[in-house]
Each structure stands twice: as structure tokens, then as C-alpha cells.
Amino acid sequence: MSALLVSTATVALAEIGDKTQLLALLLAARYRRPGPIIAGILFATVANHALAAWLGHWISTLVSPQAMRWLVAASFAAVALWTLRPDRLDGDDAPRSNGSAFLAALVAFFLAETGDKTQVATVLLATRFDALVQVILGTTLGMLVANVPVVLLGHRFAYRLPLRAARWTAAAVFAALAAWVAVRGIS
């Protein structure tokens, strides 16, 4: 399967119910201007995930392939468990600016994504696939697939999502990736 498809599906599933999806809902309710919010999410995600993918690629050059195989498998398994824990939007993650919806989304999403499971997944995907651009495009597309409907449809859509089922599905995907890397290796 291509790096683009795996990256898109993995992040889209992992993002459902994530704190950044809750942040998208908060921004949509506060600013009611979907275009600038979506643009802010896009630019923040590209910047954040490009840094994460570059880090993952760099790490893969430092560690032996055998050690990397087990490190990535263990990390995917850890993210699978992490995904089962529901996220809540902390007060510190909420945008405080009354100004630009774009700027609020850009800053808030970049900061909220830092250290988030989808950023960790991007690092791991970049260690797994030797296709940095596809990983960045795929993880960014996955973020947009999960967040754009929330921004466009607001609270009505968010409350209808089967969040528990989505978390379990995302955890299963990460567990499958862990098993795949453990059995097949990094190559």
C-alpha cells in the first residue's frame, strides 16, 4: 500500500475524537468562518507534520534497521493504546484571540498538534516509508478529512460521531501497523 494512502487513513482515523478535532469544533463555534479556519488548519498541519516527518526520516538514518523495526513496532503499539484514551480540550489549547480566525486556527492547531498522537504517528510513518512527501501529504490530508466536516457542520456533526467506535478502529489500525512492522520489518 502506498505511503500516501496509509498515512491518510491512519491519521484520519486517529484524529476522530482527538483534542484537535475538539479544537476545530471550538474554532467553528467561536468564529463561524469556515474558510479561514480550514486554511489555518491546513498551514499549521503542513508545517507541523513536515517537521515531524523530517524528524522521523532523520531518526531512521541514525538507528540500525533491526533496532528501528522494533522501535517503530513498539511505538505503533503504544500509539494504539494511547488512541483508546479519549481526549479533552484543555483550556490552554483554546484560542484566546478575538482577531483573525485564520491566525487563531494556525497558532492553536500548530501548538495542539505538537506532541499529539497524530504528530507521533507522522514521525513513525516517516520512519516506515521512504517517501517523505507522500507521508506529509497523507497525514495532512488525513487531518483535513477528519476536521473539515467538523468545521463546516459544527456541533451537530460532532455529537453524532461514534467516537468510541472511531477510537477503537484507530487503535486497531495502529496495532495492525505495529504487527506489520514487527513481522515484515522497516524496508
C-alpha atoms as a PDB file:
ATOM      1  CA  MET A   1       0.000   0.000   0.000  1.00  0.00           C
ATOM      2  CA  SER A   2       1.285   3.481  -0.762  1.00  0.00           C
ATOM      3  CA  ALA A   3       2.674   5.808   1.877  1.00  0.00           C
ATOM      4  CA  LEU A   4       0.079   8.421   0.889  1.00  0.00           C
ATOM      5  CA  LEU A   5      -2.898   6.110   1.402  1.00  0.00           C
ATOM      6  CA  VAL A   6      -1.629   4.572   4.642  1.00  0.00           C
ATOM      7  CA  SER A   7      -0.728   7.995   6.053  1.00  0.00           C
ATOM      8  CA  THR A   8      -4.096   9.487   5.122  1.00  0.00           C
ATOM      9  CA  ALA A   9      -6.148   6.630   6.559  1.00  0.00           C
ATOM     10  CA  THR A  10      -4.068   6.307   9.716  1.00  0.00           C
ATOM     11  CA  VAL A  11      -4.235   9.981  10.651  1.00  0.00           C
ATOM     12  CA  ALA A  12      -7.878  10.437   9.630  1.00  0.00           C
ATOM     13  CA  LEU A  13      -8.919   7.591  11.914  1.00  0.00           C
ATOM     14  CA  ALA A  14      -6.621   8.667  14.754  1.00  0.00           C
ATOM     15  CA  GLU A  15      -7.904  12.232  14.563  1.00  0.00           C
ATOM     16  CA  ILE A  16     -11.541  11.342  15.242  1.00  0.00           C
ATOM     17  CA  GLY A  17     -12.279  12.398  18.806  1.00  0.00           C
ATOM     18  CA  ASP A  18      -8.796  13.875  19.209  1.00  0.00           C
ATOM     19  CA  LYS A  19      -8.269  17.176  21.009  1.00  0.00           C
ATOM     20  CA  THR A  20      -7.502  18.928  17.733  1.00  0.00           C
ATOM     21  CA  GLN A  21     -10.885  17.848  16.406  1.00  0.00           C
ATOM     22  CA  LEU A  22     -12.447  19.331  19.507  1.00  0.00           C
ATOM     23  CA  LEU A  23     -10.387  22.445  18.831  1.00  0.00           C
ATOM     24  CA  ALA A  24     -11.815  22.587  15.283  1.00  0.00           C
ATOM     25  CA  LEU A  25     -15.304  22.472  16.771  1.00  0.00           C
ATOM     26  CA  LEU A  26     -14.443  25.259  19.213  1.00  0.00           C
ATOM     27  CA  LEU A  27     -12.998  27.444  16.456  1.00  0.00           C
ATOM     28  CA  ALA A  28     -16.053  26.838  14.250  1.00  0.00           C
ATOM     29  CA  ALA A  29     -18.399  27.814  17.062  1.00  0.00           C
ATOM     30  CA  ARG A  30     -16.371  30.870  18.008  1.00  0.00           C
ATOM     31  CA  TYR A  31     -15.560  32.385  14.615  1.00  0.00           C
ATOM     32  CA  ARG A  32     -18.260  30.942  12.309  1.00  0.00           C
ATOM     33  CA  ARG A  33     -15.931  31.487   9.341  1.00  0.00           C
ATOM     34  CA  PRO A  34     -15.028  28.057   7.941  1.00  0.00           C
ATOM     35  CA  GLY A  35     -12.708  29.212   5.122  1.00  0.00           C
ATOM     36  CA  PRO A  36     -10.061  30.918   7.274  1.00  0.00           C
ATOM     37  CA  ILE A  37     -10.283  28.177   9.912  1.00  0.00           C
ATOM     38  CA  ILE A  38      -9.711  25.424   7.343  1.00  0.00           C
ATOM     39  CA  ALA A  39      -6.812  27.394   5.822  1.00  0.00           C
ATOM     40  CA  GLY A  40      -5.278  27.778   9.293  1.00  0.00           C
ATOM     41  CA  ILE A  41      -5.629  24.043   9.935  1.00  0.00           C
ATOM     42  CA  LEU A  42      -4.037  23.271   6.562  1.00  0.00           C
ATOM     43  CA  PHE A  43      -0.991  25.517   7.016  1.00  0.00           C
ATOM     44  CA  ALA A  44      -0.466  24.503  10.650  1.00  0.00           C
ATOM     45  CA  THR A  45      -0.667  20.811   9.783  1.00  0.00           C
ATOM     46  CA  VAL A  46       1.701  21.063   6.826  1.00  0.00           C
ATOM     47  CA  ALA A  47       4.290  22.878   8.970  1.00  0.00           C
ATOM     48  CA  ASN A  48       3.877  20.598  11.981  1.00  0.00           C
ATOM     49  CA  HIS A  49       3.807  17.335  10.063  1.00  0.00           C
ATOM     50  CA  ALA A  50       6.676  18.346   7.763  1.00  0.00           C
ATOM     51  CA  LEU A  51       8.839  18.840  10.861  1.00  0.00           C
ATOM     52  CA  ALA A  52       7.620  15.538  12.307  1.00  0.00           C
ATOM     53  CA  ALA A  53       8.227  13.619   9.067  1.00  0.00           C
ATOM     54  CA  TRP A  54      11.687  15.109   8.713  1.00  0.00           C
ATOM     55  CA  LEU A  55      12.451  14.059  12.316  1.00  0.00           C
ATOM     56  CA  GLY A  56      11.232  10.531  11.609  1.00  0.00           C
ATOM     57  CA  HIS A  57      13.348  10.300   8.462  1.00  0.00           C
ATOM     58  CA  TRP A  58      16.394  11.621  10.321  1.00  0.00           C
ATOM     59  CA  ILE A  59      15.914   9.134  13.172  1.00  0.00           C
ATOM     60  CA  SER A  60      15.725   6.298  10.639  1.00  0.00           C
ATOM     61  CA  THR A  61      19.226   7.228   9.401  1.00  0.00           C
ATOM     62  CA  LEU A  62      20.698   7.034  12.911  1.00  0.00           C
ATOM     63  CA  VAL A  63      19.318   3.716  14.105  1.00  0.00           C
ATOM     64  CA  SER A  64      20.092   0.303  12.668  1.00  0.00           C
ATOM     65  CA  PRO A  65      17.289  -1.256  10.602  1.00  0.00           C
ATOM     66  CA  GLN A  66      16.797  -4.078  13.140  1.00  0.00           C
ATOM     67  CA  ALA A  67      16.581  -1.693  16.113  1.00  0.00           C
ATOM     68  CA  MET A  68      14.348   0.648  14.100  1.00  0.00           C
ATOM     69  CA  ARG A  69      12.000  -2.235  13.305  1.00  0.00           C
ATOM     70  CA  TRP A  70      11.335  -2.950  16.968  1.00  0.00           C
ATOM     71  CA  LEU A  71      11.316   0.713  17.973  1.00  0.00           C
ATOM     72  CA  VAL A  72       8.672   1.508  15.344  1.00  0.00           C
ATOM     73  CA  ALA A  73       6.611  -1.606  16.166  1.00  0.00           C
ATOM     74  CA  ALA A  74       6.651  -0.746  19.886  1.00  0.00           C
ATOM     75  CA  SER A  75       5.818   2.883  19.143  1.00  0.00           C
ATOM     76  CA  PHE A  76       2.851   1.958  16.932  1.00  0.00           C
ATOM     77  CA  ALA A  77       1.613  -0.345  19.715  1.00  0.00           C
ATOM     78  CA  ALA A  78       1.968   2.488  22.245  1.00  0.00           C
ATOM     79  CA  VAL A  79       0.038   4.865  19.966  1.00  0.00           C
ATOM     80  CA  ALA A  80      -2.659   2.178  19.608  1.00  0.00           C
ATOM     81  CA  LEU A  81      -3.101   2.167  23.388  1.00  0.00           C
ATOM     82  CA  TRP A  82      -2.903   5.980  23.528  1.00  0.00           C
ATOM     83  CA  THR A  83      -5.659   6.213  20.930  1.00  0.00           C
ATOM     84  CA  LEU A  84      -8.073   4.373  23.224  1.00  0.00           C
ATOM     85  CA  ARG A  85      -7.896   7.223  25.751  1.00  0.00           C
ATOM     86  CA  PRO A  86     -10.469   9.923  24.925  1.00  0.00           C
ATOM     87  CA  ASP A  87      -9.079  13.416  24.506  1.00  0.00           C
ATOM     88  CA  ARG A  88     -10.497  16.528  26.054  1.00  0.00           C
ATOM     89  CA  LEU A  89      -9.657  20.043  25.032  1.00  0.00           C
ATOM     90  CA  ASP A  90      -7.660  21.677  27.789  1.00  0.00           C
ATOM     91  CA  GLY A  91      -8.287  25.332  28.476  1.00  0.00           C
ATOM     92  CA  ASP A  92      -4.706  26.143  27.469  1.00  0.00           C
ATOM     93  CA  ASP A  93      -5.312  24.755  23.961  1.00  0.00           C
ATOM     94  CA  ALA A  94      -8.260  27.027  23.264  1.00  0.00           C
ATOM     95  CA  PRO A  95      -7.631  30.072  21.100  1.00  0.00           C
ATOM     96  CA  ARG A  96      -7.673  33.326  23.053  1.00  0.00           C
ATOM     97  CA  SER A  97      -7.518  35.849  20.231  1.00  0.00           C
ATOM     98  CA  ASN A  98     -10.602  37.808  19.184  1.00  0.00           C
ATOM     99  CA  GLY A  99      -8.852  38.660  15.913  1.00  0.00           C
ATOM    100  CA  SER A 100      -8.282  36.587  12.832  1.00  0.00           C
ATOM    101  CA  ALA A 101      -9.923  33.166  12.561  1.00  0.00           C
ATOM    102  CA  PHE A 102      -7.025  32.102  10.301  1.00  0.00           C
ATOM    103  CA  LEU A 103      -4.344  33.197  12.774  1.00  0.00           C
ATOM    104  CA  ALA A 104      -6.192  31.629  15.723  1.00  0.00           C
ATOM    105  CA  ALA A 105      -6.541  28.312  13.862  1.00  0.00           C
ATOM    106  CA  LEU A 106      -2.946  28.403  12.627  1.00  0.00           C
ATOM    107  CA  VAL A 107      -1.395  29.009  16.037  1.00  0.00           C
ATOM    108  CA  ALA A 108      -3.804  26.852  18.041  1.00  0.00           C
ATOM    109  CA  PHE A 109      -3.550  23.862  15.677  1.00  0.00           C
ATOM    110  CA  PHE A 110       0.229  24.016  15.420  1.00  0.00           C
ATOM    111  CA  LEU A 111       0.565  24.087  19.207  1.00  0.00           C
ATOM    112  CA  ALA A 112      -2.151  21.491  19.868  1.00  0.00           C
ATOM    113  CA  GLU A 113      -0.579  19.108  17.329  1.00  0.00           C
ATOM    114  CA  THR A 114       2.834  19.344  18.974  1.00  0.00           C
ATOM    115  CA  GLY A 115       3.323  16.070  20.823  1.00  0.00           C
ATOM    116  CA  ASP A 116      -0.143  14.846  19.802  1.00  0.00           C
ATOM    117  CA  LYS A 117      -0.676  11.248  18.707  1.00  0.00           C
ATOM    118  CA  THR A 118      -1.122  12.254  15.055  1.00  0.00           C
ATOM    119  CA  GLN A 119       2.235  14.045  15.135  1.00  0.00           C
ATOM    120  CA  VAL A 120       3.822  10.970  16.714  1.00  0.00           C
ATOM    121  CA  ALA A 121       2.144   8.857  14.033  1.00  0.00           C
ATOM    122  CA  THR A 122       3.672  11.132  11.380  1.00  0.00           C
ATOM    123  CA  VAL A 123       7.145  10.579  12.847  1.00  0.00           C
ATOM    124  CA  LEU A 124       6.540   6.828  12.836  1.00  0.00           C
ATOM    125  CA  LEU A 125       5.137   6.766   9.308  1.00  0.00           C
ATOM    126  CA  ALA A 126       8.202   8.675   8.087  1.00  0.00           C
ATOM    127  CA  THR A 127      10.455   6.024   9.647  1.00  0.00           C
ATOM    128  CA  ARG A 128       8.403   3.292   7.979  1.00  0.00           C
ATOM    129  CA  PHE A 129       8.138   4.750   4.471  1.00  0.00           C
ATOM    130  CA  ASP A 130      10.949   6.219   2.417  1.00  0.00           C
ATOM    131  CA  ALA A 131       8.524   8.699   0.828  1.00  0.00           C
ATOM    132  CA  LEU A 132       8.653  11.865   2.907  1.00  0.00           C
ATOM    133  CA  VAL A 133       6.443  13.974   0.639  1.00  0.00           C
ATOM    134  CA  GLN A 134       3.756  11.268   0.489  1.00  0.00           C
ATOM    135  CA  VAL A 135       3.766  10.934   4.278  1.00  0.00           C
ATOM    136  CA  ILE A 136       3.431  14.706   4.756  1.00  0.00           C
ATOM    137  CA  LEU A 137       0.679  14.974   2.136  1.00  0.00           C
ATOM    138  CA  GLY A 138      -1.092  11.913   3.510  1.00  0.00           C
ATOM    139  CA  THR A 139      -1.046  12.962   7.152  1.00  0.00           C
ATOM    140  CA  THR A 140      -2.143  16.476   6.205  1.00  0.00           C
ATOM    141  CA  LEU A 141      -4.965  15.083   4.083  1.00  0.00           C
ATOM    142  CA  GLY A 142      -5.965  12.812   6.982  1.00  0.00           C
ATOM    143  CA  MET A 143      -6.189  15.828   9.296  1.00  0.00           C
ATOM    144  CA  LEU A 144      -8.358  17.662   6.773  1.00  0.00           C
ATOM    145  CA  VAL A 145     -10.613  14.630   6.186  1.00  0.00           C
ATOM    146  CA  ALA A 146     -11.300  14.461   9.920  1.00  0.00           C
ATOM    147  CA  ASN A 147     -11.520  18.186  10.694  1.00  0.00           C
ATOM    148  CA  VAL A 148     -13.099  19.930   7.705  1.00  0.00           C
ATOM    149  CA  PRO A 149     -16.539  18.305   8.255  1.00  0.00           C
ATOM    150  CA  VAL A 150     -16.421  19.396  11.890  1.00  0.00           C
ATOM    151  CA  VAL A 151     -15.647  22.976  10.885  1.00  0.00           C
ATOM    152  CA  LEU A 152     -18.310  23.005   8.166  1.00  0.00           C
ATOM    153  CA  LEU A 153     -21.093  21.274  10.079  1.00  0.00           C
ATOM    154  CA  GLY A 154     -20.296  22.460  13.584  1.00  0.00           C
ATOM    155  CA  HIS A 155     -21.691  20.941  16.733  1.00  0.00           C
ATOM    156  CA  ARG A 156     -24.483  18.951  15.033  1.00  0.00           C
ATOM    157  CA  PHE A 157     -21.927  16.777  13.265  1.00  0.00           C
ATOM    158  CA  ALA A 158     -19.541  16.355  16.188  1.00  0.00           C
ATOM    159  CA  TYR A 159     -22.193  14.977  18.527  1.00  0.00           C
ATOM    160  CA  ARG A 160     -23.267  12.344  16.004  1.00  0.00           C
ATOM    161  CA  LEU A 161     -19.807  10.845  15.574  1.00  0.00           C
ATOM    162  CA  PRO A 162     -19.427   7.392  17.101  1.00  0.00           C
ATOM    163  CA  LEU A 163     -16.283   8.480  18.941  1.00  0.00           C
ATOM    164  CA  ARG A 164     -15.777   5.285  20.894  1.00  0.00           C
ATOM    165  CA  ALA A 165     -16.013   3.136  17.773  1.00  0.00           C
ATOM    166  CA  ALA A 166     -13.667   5.509  15.945  1.00  0.00           C
ATOM    167  CA  ARG A 167     -11.092   5.316  18.763  1.00  0.00           C
ATOM    168  CA  TRP A 168     -11.229   1.511  18.740  1.00  0.00           C
ATOM    169  CA  THR A 169     -10.891   1.422  14.945  1.00  0.00           C
ATOM    170  CA  ALA A 170      -7.920   3.800  15.041  1.00  0.00           C
ATOM    171  CA  ALA A 171      -6.320   1.734  17.810  1.00  0.00           C
ATOM    172  CA  ALA A 172      -6.796  -1.391  15.685  1.00  0.00           C
ATOM    173  CA  VAL A 173      -5.110   0.319  12.729  1.00  0.00           C
ATOM    174  CA  PHE A 174      -2.114   1.292  14.865  1.00  0.00           C
ATOM    175  CA  ALA A 175      -1.947  -2.224  16.343  1.00  0.00           C
ATOM    176  CA  ALA A 176      -2.048  -3.688  12.823  1.00  0.00           C
ATOM    177  CA  LEU A 177       0.755  -1.341  11.754  1.00  0.00           C
ATOM    178  CA  ALA A 178       2.769  -2.451  14.803  1.00  0.00           C
ATOM    179  CA  ALA A 179       2.253  -6.110  13.891  1.00  0.00           C
ATOM    180  CA  TRP A 180       3.050  -5.444  10.226  1.00  0.00           C
ATOM    181  CA  VAL A 181       6.336  -3.724  11.078  1.00  0.00           C
ATOM    182  CA  ALA A 182       7.222  -6.445  13.605  1.00  0.00           C
ATOM    183  CA  VAL A 183       6.642  -9.201  11.043  1.00  0.00           C
ATOM    184  CA  ARG A 184       7.829  -7.537   7.820  1.00  0.00           C
ATOM    185  CA  GLY A 185      10.370  -5.033   9.082  1.00  0.00           C
ATOM    186  CA  ILE A 186      11.014  -1.438   8.038  1.00  0.00           C
ATOM    187  CA  SER A 187      12.135  -1.889   4.432  1.00  0.00           C
END
